[in-house]
N, C-alpha and C. Protein backbone atom coordinates (compact mmCIF):
# COMPACT_ATOMS: atom_id res chain seq x y z
N MET A 1 111.87 115.27 134.49
CA MET A 1 110.51 114.78 134.45
C MET A 1 109.57 115.99 134.44
N SER A 2 108.62 115.97 133.55
CA SER A 2 107.66 117.08 133.45
C SER A 2 106.65 117.02 134.60
N ASP A 3 105.95 118.13 134.80
CA ASP A 3 104.93 118.17 135.84
C ASP A 3 103.84 117.14 135.58
N LEU A 4 103.48 116.96 134.31
CA LEU A 4 102.44 115.99 133.96
C LEU A 4 102.90 114.57 134.30
N GLN A 5 104.16 114.28 134.04
CA GLN A 5 104.70 112.96 134.38
C GLN A 5 104.75 112.76 135.90
N LYS A 6 105.08 113.82 136.61
CA LYS A 6 105.10 113.73 138.08
C LYS A 6 103.70 113.46 138.62
N LEU A 7 102.69 114.13 138.06
CA LEU A 7 101.31 113.89 138.50
C LEU A 7 100.89 112.45 138.22
N ALA A 8 101.23 111.94 137.05
CA ALA A 8 100.90 110.55 136.72
C ALA A 8 101.60 109.59 137.69
N SER A 9 102.84 109.88 138.02
CA SER A 9 103.58 109.03 138.96
C SER A 9 102.94 109.07 140.34
N ALA A 10 102.52 110.26 140.77
CA ALA A 10 101.87 110.39 142.08
C ALA A 10 100.59 109.58 142.12
N GLN A 11 99.84 109.57 141.03
CA GLN A 11 98.61 108.78 140.96
C GLN A 11 98.91 107.29 141.11
N VAL A 12 99.90 106.83 140.38
CA VAL A 12 100.29 105.41 140.45
C VAL A 12 100.76 105.06 141.86
N LEU A 13 101.54 105.94 142.45
CA LEU A 13 102.05 105.68 143.80
C LEU A 13 100.91 105.59 144.83
N GLY A 14 99.91 106.42 144.68
CA GLY A 14 98.76 106.37 145.59
C GLY A 14 98.02 105.05 145.49
N THR A 15 97.82 104.59 144.26
CA THR A 15 97.15 103.31 144.05
C THR A 15 97.99 102.17 144.63
N GLN A 16 99.29 102.19 144.36
CA GLN A 16 100.18 101.15 144.88
C GLN A 16 100.19 101.13 146.40
N ALA A 17 100.19 102.31 146.99
CA ALA A 17 100.21 102.39 148.45
C ALA A 17 99.00 101.69 149.05
N PHE A 18 97.83 101.93 148.46
CA PHE A 18 96.63 101.26 148.97
C PHE A 18 96.77 99.75 148.81
N LYS A 19 97.17 99.32 147.63
CA LYS A 19 97.28 97.88 147.36
C LYS A 19 98.29 97.20 148.27
N GLU A 20 99.30 97.95 148.72
CA GLU A 20 100.32 97.39 149.61
C GLU A 20 99.93 97.53 151.09
N GLY A 21 98.72 98.04 151.34
CA GLY A 21 98.23 98.15 152.71
C GLY A 21 98.81 99.31 153.50
N LYS A 22 99.37 100.28 152.79
CA LYS A 22 99.94 101.43 153.48
C LYS A 22 98.84 102.39 153.92
N MET A 23 99.12 103.14 154.97
CA MET A 23 98.17 104.12 155.47
C MET A 23 97.98 105.25 154.46
N ARG A 24 96.87 105.95 154.60
CA ARG A 24 96.52 107.06 153.71
C ARG A 24 97.27 108.33 154.17
N VAL A 25 98.59 108.24 154.10
CA VAL A 25 99.45 109.35 154.53
C VAL A 25 100.52 109.54 153.44
N PRO A 26 100.28 110.45 152.52
CA PRO A 26 101.22 110.61 151.42
C PRO A 26 102.64 110.95 151.86
N ALA A 27 102.78 111.63 152.99
CA ALA A 27 104.11 112.00 153.47
C ALA A 27 104.95 110.79 153.88
N HIS A 28 104.32 109.63 154.05
CA HIS A 28 105.05 108.41 154.40
C HIS A 28 105.56 107.67 153.16
N ASP A 29 105.23 108.15 151.97
CA ASP A 29 105.64 107.49 150.73
C ASP A 29 106.95 108.12 150.24
N ALA A 30 108.03 107.39 150.42
CA ALA A 30 109.36 107.91 150.07
C ALA A 30 109.46 108.29 148.59
N GLU A 31 108.82 107.52 147.73
CA GLU A 31 108.88 107.83 146.30
C GLU A 31 108.14 109.12 145.98
N LEU A 32 107.03 109.37 146.64
CA LEU A 32 106.31 110.62 146.44
C LEU A 32 107.15 111.79 146.93
N ILE A 33 107.80 111.62 148.06
CA ILE A 33 108.63 112.69 148.60
C ILE A 33 109.75 113.03 147.63
N LYS A 34 110.28 112.03 146.94
CA LYS A 34 111.32 112.30 145.93
C LYS A 34 110.78 113.19 144.81
N LEU A 35 109.50 113.02 144.46
CA LEU A 35 108.90 113.86 143.43
C LEU A 35 108.73 115.30 143.90
N ILE A 36 108.55 115.47 145.20
CA ILE A 36 108.31 116.80 145.78
C ILE A 36 109.61 117.52 146.12
N GLU A 37 110.65 116.77 146.42
CA GLU A 37 111.92 117.37 146.83
C GLU A 37 112.37 118.44 145.84
N GLY A 38 112.87 119.52 146.38
CA GLY A 38 113.37 120.60 145.55
C GLY A 38 112.34 121.68 145.27
N ASN A 39 111.07 121.38 145.52
CA ASN A 39 110.03 122.40 145.34
C ASN A 39 110.18 123.45 146.43
N GLN A 40 110.03 124.70 146.06
CA GLN A 40 110.06 125.76 147.05
C GLN A 40 108.78 125.73 147.88
N VAL A 41 108.87 126.25 149.08
CA VAL A 41 107.70 126.34 149.94
C VAL A 41 106.63 127.16 149.21
N GLY A 42 105.42 126.65 149.22
CA GLY A 42 104.32 127.35 148.56
C GLY A 42 104.16 126.99 147.09
N ASN A 43 105.00 126.12 146.56
CA ASN A 43 104.88 125.71 145.17
C ASN A 43 103.56 124.96 144.99
N PRO A 44 102.67 125.43 144.11
CA PRO A 44 101.37 124.78 143.96
C PRO A 44 101.47 123.33 143.46
N MET A 45 102.57 122.98 142.83
CA MET A 45 102.73 121.61 142.34
C MET A 45 102.80 120.62 143.50
N THR A 46 103.33 121.04 144.63
CA THR A 46 103.41 120.16 145.79
C THR A 46 102.01 119.71 146.21
N LEU A 47 101.10 120.64 146.33
CA LEU A 47 99.72 120.30 146.70
C LEU A 47 99.07 119.42 145.64
N LYS A 48 99.34 119.69 144.38
CA LYS A 48 98.77 118.86 143.30
C LYS A 48 99.26 117.42 143.40
N LEU A 49 100.54 117.25 143.71
CA LEU A 49 101.10 115.90 143.82
C LEU A 49 100.51 115.17 145.03
N LEU A 50 100.42 115.85 146.16
CA LEU A 50 99.82 115.25 147.35
C LEU A 50 98.36 114.89 147.10
N SER A 51 97.65 115.77 146.43
CA SER A 51 96.23 115.53 146.13
C SER A 51 96.06 114.37 145.16
N ALA A 52 96.93 114.28 144.16
CA ALA A 52 96.85 113.18 143.19
C ALA A 52 97.08 111.84 143.88
N TRP A 53 98.07 111.79 144.75
CA TRP A 53 98.37 110.56 145.50
C TRP A 53 97.15 110.17 146.33
N THR A 54 96.62 111.12 147.09
CA THR A 54 95.50 110.85 147.99
C THR A 54 94.24 110.45 147.21
N ALA A 55 93.96 111.14 146.13
CA ALA A 55 92.78 110.83 145.33
C ALA A 55 92.83 109.41 144.79
N ASN A 56 94.01 108.97 144.37
CA ASN A 56 94.12 107.62 143.82
C ASN A 56 94.15 106.56 144.91
N TRP A 57 94.65 106.89 146.09
CA TRP A 57 94.54 105.97 147.23
C TRP A 57 93.06 105.77 147.54
N ASP A 58 92.31 106.88 147.58
CA ASP A 58 90.87 106.80 147.86
C ASP A 58 90.13 106.01 146.79
N LEU A 59 90.47 106.25 145.53
CA LEU A 59 89.81 105.54 144.43
C LEU A 59 90.07 104.04 144.51
N ALA A 60 91.31 103.68 144.81
CA ALA A 60 91.63 102.25 144.97
C ALA A 60 90.83 101.64 146.12
N ASN A 61 90.69 102.40 147.20
CA ASN A 61 89.92 101.95 148.35
C ASN A 61 88.45 101.76 147.96
N LEU A 62 87.89 102.71 147.27
CA LEU A 62 86.47 102.60 146.84
C LEU A 62 86.27 101.42 145.91
N ASN A 63 87.17 101.22 144.96
CA ASN A 63 87.06 100.11 144.03
C ASN A 63 87.22 98.76 144.73
N ASN A 64 88.01 98.74 145.78
CA ASN A 64 88.22 97.52 146.55
C ASN A 64 86.96 97.14 147.32
N ASN A 65 86.19 98.15 147.74
CA ASN A 65 85.01 97.91 148.55
C ASN A 65 83.72 97.78 147.73
N ALA A 66 83.84 97.93 146.42
CA ALA A 66 82.65 97.87 145.56
C ALA A 66 82.20 96.45 145.31
């Protein structure tokens, strides 16, 4: 899976987490952790994936409250 595909998956997972009533804690999402597994410590892609998940959880929350 390419980095771009991983980012898209993280975005979808963040939205799904909100819709399923999960807390805003990306580390609790087992599917997201699978995307991160194998990354070396300090790999910038890890932060990008966590940020993508969180940003889309927040966006789903904002859209829900609009």
